[in-house]
């Protein structure tokens, strides 16, 4: 079957921003997915772009994004740059009439995310966001438990994510993830976006959200502490606490129903845990290698085979951007 609007049974991808995330998490997934090929990469540093292309056996490399976007042999573009540039590049991809996948978060704020979503919707172009946890087996298993009513009616959810400052944080070296000009919410933007997006996948959209945020450590310009409350459309209530200056590490989501509890970590590959009157289950489910493989496979199925609607689209990610900005008090 052909890809609507492109007329091909094979999708040729180009990557803008071939940095660390593309080395092991995503780039190899595009190369390992039948029906996809990675044909070009771009990085502003031409030497690093050429090095990436050579090591990963990518045919073409650029140091100008416009050249990659307008390459007639590239019909889909994966934007893997820091979030403050997502809108700039995404609008160019939409104007060129090409399929797009954007690294999460969708953009630095809801306003930019809305502009991106609107541009692709207007042109009826497929837009995906790399919230790949929606396709990881450990989380789809949790969703099946919830959908099957294994813990009864879900009443409430809580998420705690605490981690100590890194050596980079303590050294106060530049890190775009904690620069308020790039990521105003700091690690909240980078990490909490994954979990909040996952919770809307598991429990449905959020209709109300608010929070408080501040910079406790003064190690960088972005906030490092966020607390929030929210409510899902179904009436499920939620609380979250994210602090990036604590003693020790903790990552735990607890979903409580009227007949049981499910608990799991978002980032730590710990067992998922179900406890109810019917008994207790602990499952260890390993991540695929590369970790974005199922996410990329699902894009292939959505585009070429039409047998699956991808769970992470511009529309679903736009909702996550709205939730994030509501918690941070931006809207």
Protein backbone atom coordinates (compact mmCIF):
# COMPACT_ATOMS: atom_id res chain seq x y z
CA UNK A 1 0.00 0.00 0.00
CA UNK A 2 1.21 3.53 -0.67
CA UNK A 3 1.73 6.45 1.66
CA UNK A 4 -1.08 8.94 1.09
CA UNK A 5 0.17 12.08 -0.62
CA UNK A 6 3.62 10.68 -1.36
CA UNK A 7 2.91 7.74 -3.61
CA UNK A 8 5.51 5.32 -2.36
CA UNK A 9 5.60 2.07 -0.43
CA UNK A 10 8.83 3.09 1.28
CA UNK A 11 9.49 6.12 3.49
CA UNK A 12 12.85 7.86 3.24
CA UNK A 13 13.66 9.75 6.46
CA UNK A 14 16.01 12.61 7.17
CA UNK A 15 17.04 13.62 10.70
CA UNK A 16 17.55 17.21 11.78
CA UNK A 17 19.81 17.27 14.83
CA UNK A 18 21.73 13.99 14.96
CA UNK A 19 22.82 14.29 18.59
CA UNK A 20 22.86 11.86 21.51
CA UNK A 21 19.19 10.83 21.39
CA UNK A 22 19.60 9.63 17.79
CA UNK A 23 22.73 7.58 18.47
CA UNK A 24 21.10 4.64 20.26
CA UNK A 25 17.46 5.49 21.09
CA UNK A 26 15.99 6.47 17.74
CA UNK A 27 18.32 6.56 14.73
CA UNK A 28 18.92 2.78 14.62
CA UNK A 29 15.15 2.18 14.93
CA UNK A 30 14.52 3.94 11.62
CA UNK A 31 17.18 1.78 10.00
CA UNK A 32 15.80 -1.46 11.47
CA UNK A 33 12.17 -0.86 10.47
CA UNK A 34 11.05 -2.55 7.25
CA UNK A 35 9.58 0.04 4.90
CA UNK A 36 11.69 2.84 6.37
CA UNK A 37 15.16 4.01 5.44
CA UNK A 38 17.40 6.66 6.95
CA UNK A 39 18.79 8.47 3.94
CA UNK A 40 20.06 11.80 5.29
CA UNK A 41 21.11 13.53 8.51
CA UNK A 42 21.77 17.16 9.37
CA UNK A 43 23.80 18.87 12.06
CA UNK A 44 25.12 22.43 12.13
CA UNK A 45 28.61 21.09 12.78
CA UNK A 46 29.53 19.62 9.39
CA UNK A 47 32.31 17.47 10.84
CA UNK A 48 29.94 15.87 13.36
CA UNK A 49 27.27 15.43 10.69
CA UNK A 50 29.71 13.62 8.41
CA UNK A 51 30.97 11.50 11.32
CA UNK A 52 27.43 10.43 12.22
CA UNK A 53 26.64 9.56 8.60
CA UNK A 54 29.83 7.53 8.26
CA UNK A 55 29.38 5.59 11.51
CA UNK A 56 25.71 4.83 10.86
CA UNK A 57 26.13 4.29 7.11
CA UNK A 58 23.71 7.07 6.15
CA UNK A 59 24.12 8.04 2.47
CA UNK A 60 23.86 11.84 2.81
CA UNK A 61 24.64 14.49 5.39
CA UNK A 62 23.95 18.21 5.55
CA UNK A 63 24.82 21.13 7.81
CA UNK A 64 21.90 23.21 6.50
CA UNK A 65 18.41 22.07 7.57
CA UNK A 66 16.72 23.65 4.54
CA UNK A 67 18.76 21.46 2.21
CA UNK A 68 17.65 18.30 4.01
CA UNK A 69 14.00 19.40 4.19
CA UNK A 70 13.95 20.20 0.47
CA UNK A 71 15.86 17.10 -0.62
CA UNK A 72 13.45 15.46 -3.13
CA UNK A 73 14.58 12.01 -2.00
CA UNK A 74 13.55 12.72 1.62
CA UNK A 75 9.80 12.43 2.16
CA UNK A 76 9.72 12.40 5.98
CA UNK A 77 11.67 14.41 8.56
CA UNK A 78 12.48 13.58 12.18
CA UNK A 79 13.26 16.71 14.24
CA UNK A 80 15.59 15.81 17.11
CA UNK A 81 16.80 19.26 18.13
CA UNK A 82 16.22 21.03 21.50
CA UNK A 83 12.55 22.04 21.92
CA UNK A 84 12.98 25.78 21.40
CA UNK A 85 13.71 25.12 17.70
CA UNK A 86 10.91 22.60 17.09
CA UNK A 87 8.41 25.17 15.84
CA UNK A 88 10.91 26.76 13.45
CA UNK A 89 11.85 23.48 11.78
CA UNK A 90 8.39 21.88 11.93
CA UNK A 91 6.74 24.74 10.06
CA UNK A 92 9.34 24.40 7.33
CA UNK A 93 8.63 20.66 7.08
CA UNK A 94 4.89 21.32 6.87
CA UNK A 95 5.44 23.93 4.16
CA UNK A 96 7.48 21.36 2.22
CA UNK A 97 4.53 18.94 2.46
CA UNK A 98 6.38 16.15 4.26
CA UNK A 99 5.62 13.69 7.04
CA UNK A 100 7.16 14.67 10.37
CA UNK A 101 8.10 13.19 13.72
CA UNK A 102 9.25 15.55 16.48
CA UNK A 103 11.19 14.64 19.61
CA UNK A 104 9.32 15.29 22.82
CA UNK A 105 8.32 17.66 24.22
CA UNK A 106 6.46 18.85 21.14
CA UNK A 107 7.73 22.41 21.73
CA UNK A 108 8.77 24.71 24.57
CA UNK A 109 5.19 25.83 25.18
CA UNK A 110 1.57 25.25 24.24
CA UNK A 111 1.45 28.22 21.84
CA UNK A 112 4.26 26.82 19.69
CA UNK A 113 2.78 23.32 19.87
CA UNK A 114 -0.57 24.65 18.65
CA UNK A 115 1.11 26.41 15.71
CA UNK A 116 2.82 23.15 14.73
CA UNK A 117 -0.35 21.05 15.03
CA UNK A 118 -2.38 23.59 13.07
CA UNK A 119 0.15 23.70 10.23
CA UNK A 120 0.11 19.94 9.73
CA UNK A 121 -3.65 19.63 10.21
CA UNK A 122 -4.28 22.32 7.60
CA UNK A 123 -2.22 20.40 5.04
CA UNK A 124 -3.56 17.02 6.22
CA UNK A 125 -0.01 15.79 6.80
CA UNK A 126 0.86 13.02 9.29
CA UNK A 127 2.53 14.37 12.44
CA UNK A 128 3.98 12.16 15.17
CA UNK A 129 5.65 13.03 18.47
CA UNK A 130 8.26 10.75 20.05
CA UNK A 131 6.37 9.95 23.23
CA UNK A 132 7.53 6.39 22.70
CA UNK A 133 6.41 5.10 26.09
CA UNK A 134 2.91 4.75 24.65
CA UNK A 135 4.24 1.83 22.59
CA UNK A 136 6.54 0.15 25.14
CA UNK A 137 5.31 -3.34 26.16
CA UNK A 138 5.52 -2.68 29.90
CA UNK A 139 3.11 0.26 29.59
CA UNK A 140 0.75 -1.37 27.10
CA UNK A 141 0.49 -4.23 29.62
CA UNK A 142 -0.50 -1.75 32.34
CA UNK A 143 -3.10 -0.27 29.99
CA UNK A 144 -4.54 -3.74 29.39
CA UNK A 145 -4.83 -4.28 33.18
CA UNK A 146 -6.70 -0.99 33.54
CA UNK A 147 -8.95 -1.61 30.53
CA UNK A 148 -9.78 -5.09 31.84
CA UNK A 149 -10.85 -3.61 35.18
CA UNK A 150 -8.20 -5.51 37.13
CA UNK A 151 -8.20 -2.80 39.82
CA UNK A 152 -11.88 -1.91 39.42
CA UNK A 153 -12.84 1.70 38.86
CA UNK A 154 -9.77 3.94 38.91
CA UNK A 155 -10.11 6.62 41.57
CA UNK A 156 -6.78 8.44 41.80
CA UNK A 157 -3.19 8.54 40.55
CA UNK A 158 0.02 9.98 41.99
CA UNK A 159 3.53 10.34 40.58
CA UNK A 160 6.71 11.16 42.47
CA UNK A 161 9.94 11.80 40.58
CA UNK A 162 12.91 12.85 42.70
CA UNK A 163 16.56 12.87 41.69
CA UNK A 164 19.75 14.48 42.98
CA UNK A 165 21.51 17.20 40.98
CA UNK A 166 23.91 15.81 38.39
CA UNK A 167 27.60 16.68 38.15
CA UNK A 168 26.70 18.94 35.22
CA UNK A 169 24.15 20.72 37.40
CA UNK A 170 26.64 21.18 40.22
CA UNK A 171 29.34 22.43 37.86
CA UNK A 172 26.84 24.92 36.41
CA UNK A 173 28.05 24.13 32.89
CA UNK A 174 25.64 24.95 30.08
CA UNK A 175 22.88 22.39 29.64
CA UNK A 176 19.96 23.24 27.37
CA UNK A 177 17.68 21.08 29.52
CA UNK A 178 18.07 23.53 32.41
CA UNK A 179 18.32 26.77 30.42
CA UNK A 180 15.09 28.73 30.90
CA UNK A 181 15.39 30.15 27.37
CA UNK A 182 15.23 26.64 25.88
CA UNK A 183 13.32 24.65 28.52
CA UNK A 184 11.62 27.01 31.00
CA UNK A 185 10.48 24.05 33.11
CA UNK A 186 13.96 22.51 33.19
CA UNK A 187 13.97 18.78 33.77
CA UNK A 188 10.19 18.98 34.25
CA UNK A 189 9.89 19.79 30.54
CA UNK A 190 12.25 17.00 29.55
CA UNK A 191 11.17 14.24 31.95
CA UNK A 192 7.71 14.99 33.35
CA UNK A 193 6.38 15.40 29.82
CA UNK A 194 6.98 11.67 29.28
CA UNK A 195 5.00 10.63 32.35
CA UNK A 196 2.13 13.10 31.98
CA UNK A 197 1.71 12.06 28.36
CA UNK A 198 1.74 8.42 29.46
CA UNK A 199 -0.93 9.08 32.08
CA UNK A 200 -3.27 10.61 29.51
CA UNK A 201 -2.70 7.49 27.38
CA UNK A 202 -3.53 5.23 30.33
CA UNK A 203 -6.31 7.24 31.98
CA UNK A 204 -7.70 9.64 29.39
CA UNK A 205 -7.39 13.38 28.82
CA UNK A 206 -6.94 15.86 31.64
CA UNK A 207 -9.54 18.62 31.96
CA UNK A 208 -8.14 20.62 34.88
CA UNK A 209 -4.57 21.13 36.07
CA UNK A 210 -2.64 23.59 38.18
CA UNK A 211 0.62 23.69 40.05
CA UNK A 212 3.40 25.60 41.72
CA UNK A 213 7.01 25.74 40.58
CA UNK A 214 10.22 27.37 41.74
CA UNK A 215 14.00 27.23 41.61
CA UNK A 216 15.14 25.89 44.99
CA UNK A 217 18.80 25.11 44.27
CA UNK A 218 19.74 28.18 42.18
CA UNK A 219 22.09 25.98 40.13
CA UNK A 220 20.59 27.02 36.79
CA UNK A 221 18.00 29.38 35.33
CA UNK A 222 15.08 26.95 34.90
CA UNK A 223 12.81 25.76 37.72
CA UNK A 224 13.86 22.60 39.56
CA UNK A 225 10.82 21.87 41.73
CA UNK A 226 7.21 21.41 40.59
CA UNK A 227 4.09 20.18 42.39
CA UNK A 228 0.70 19.74 40.74
CA UNK A 229 -2.87 18.54 41.01
CA UNK A 230 -5.13 17.63 38.11
CA UNK A 231 -8.33 15.85 37.09
CA UNK A 232 -8.97 13.52 34.17
CA UNK A 233 -12.16 13.75 32.10
CA UNK A 234 -13.42 10.56 33.78
CA UNK A 235 -13.17 12.16 37.23
CA UNK A 236 -9.89 10.48 38.23
CA UNK A 237 -7.85 12.87 40.39
CA UNK A 238 -4.08 13.19 40.14
CA UNK A 239 -1.14 14.60 42.06
CA UNK A 240 2.49 14.98 41.04
CA UNK A 241 5.74 16.04 42.67
CA UNK A 242 8.94 16.51 40.68
CA UNK A 243 12.11 17.67 42.41
CA UNK A 244 15.58 17.63 40.87
CA UNK A 245 17.63 18.48 43.95
CA UNK A 246 16.77 15.72 46.39
CA UNK A 247 18.79 13.17 48.30
CA UNK A 248 18.37 9.86 46.47
CA UNK A 249 16.28 8.83 43.49
CA UNK A 250 12.59 7.94 43.44
CA UNK A 251 10.35 7.28 40.45
CA UNK A 252 6.93 5.82 41.22
CA UNK A 253 3.44 6.11 39.81
CA UNK A 254 0.61 4.64 41.88
CA UNK A 255 -2.79 4.15 40.24
CA UNK A 256 -5.44 3.28 42.82
CA UNK A 257 -8.82 1.79 42.02
CA UNK A 258 -11.68 0.62 44.23
CA UNK A 259 -10.51 -3.00 43.90
CA UNK A 260 -6.73 -2.78 43.60
CA UNK A 261 -3.55 -0.84 42.91
CA UNK A 262 -1.04 -0.70 40.05
CA UNK A 263 2.42 0.77 40.64
CA UNK A 264 5.36 1.26 38.30
CA UNK A 265 8.24 3.55 37.35
CA UNK A 266 8.34 5.77 34.28
CA UNK A 267 12.12 5.74 33.78
CA UNK A 268 13.50 3.03 36.03
CA UNK A 269 13.09 -0.39 34.39
CA UNK A 270 11.65 -1.86 37.61
CA UNK A 271 8.93 -4.54 37.66
CA UNK A 272 5.35 -3.42 37.16
CA UNK A 273 3.16 -4.36 40.12
CA UNK A 274 -0.54 -5.22 40.37
CA UNK A 275 -2.15 -5.88 43.74
CA UNK A 276 -5.82 -6.69 44.36
CA UNK A 277 -8.06 -9.07 46.27
CA UNK A 278 -7.45 -11.59 43.48
CA UNK A 279 -3.73 -11.68 44.23
CA UNK A 280 -0.47 -9.99 43.39
CA UNK A 281 1.48 -9.86 40.13
CA UNK A 282 4.99 -8.53 39.52
CA UNK A 283 6.26 -8.54 35.95
CA UNK A 284 9.65 -7.66 34.55
CA UNK A 285 9.23 -6.55 30.95
CA UNK A 286 12.40 -5.49 29.19
CA UNK A 287 12.53 -2.53 26.85
CA UNK A 288 13.25 -3.16 23.16
CA UNK A 289 16.65 -2.27 21.77
CA UNK A 290 16.65 0.40 20.43
CA UNK A 291 14.05 1.75 22.83
CA UNK A 292 12.10 3.64 20.14
CA UNK A 293 11.74 0.57 17.93
CA UNK A 294 8.03 -0.04 18.64
CA UNK A 295 7.29 3.66 18.28
CA UNK A 296 8.96 3.73 14.85
CA UNK A 297 7.35 0.42 13.82
CA UNK A 298 3.95 1.89 14.72
CA UNK A 299 4.62 4.91 12.50
CA UNK A 300 5.37 2.50 9.65
CA UNK A 301 2.12 0.63 10.28
CA UNK A 302 0.17 3.91 10.40
CA UNK A 303 1.71 5.29 7.21
CA UNK A 304 2.15 2.27 4.98
CA UNK A 305 -0.16 -0.49 6.14
CA UNK A 306 -3.05 1.61 7.49
CA UNK A 307 -3.74 -1.09 10.08
CA UNK A 308 -2.91 0.97 13.16
CA UNK A 309 -3.46 4.55 14.27
CA UNK A 310 -0.29 5.67 15.99
CA UNK A 311 -0.91 6.41 19.69
CA UNK A 312 1.30 9.53 19.75
CA UNK A 313 0.24 12.14 17.24
CA UNK A 314 0.38 15.91 17.11
CA UNK A 315 -3.11 16.01 18.59
CA UNK A 316 -2.30 13.90 21.65
CA UNK A 317 1.03 15.71 22.22
CA UNK A 318 -0.70 19.09 21.94
CA UNK A 319 -2.86 18.04 24.88
CA UNK A 320 0.26 17.15 26.87
CA UNK A 321 1.71 20.60 26.08
CA UNK A 322 -1.49 22.17 27.39
CA UNK A 323 -1.27 20.18 30.63
CA UNK A 324 2.39 21.14 31.10
CA UNK A 325 1.70 24.85 30.62
CA UNK A 326 -1.32 24.70 32.95
CA UNK A 327 0.86 23.17 35.69
CA UNK A 328 3.59 25.75 35.14
CA UNK A 329 1.02 28.58 35.21
CA UNK A 330 1.71 29.74 31.65
CA UNK A 331 -1.96 29.51 30.61
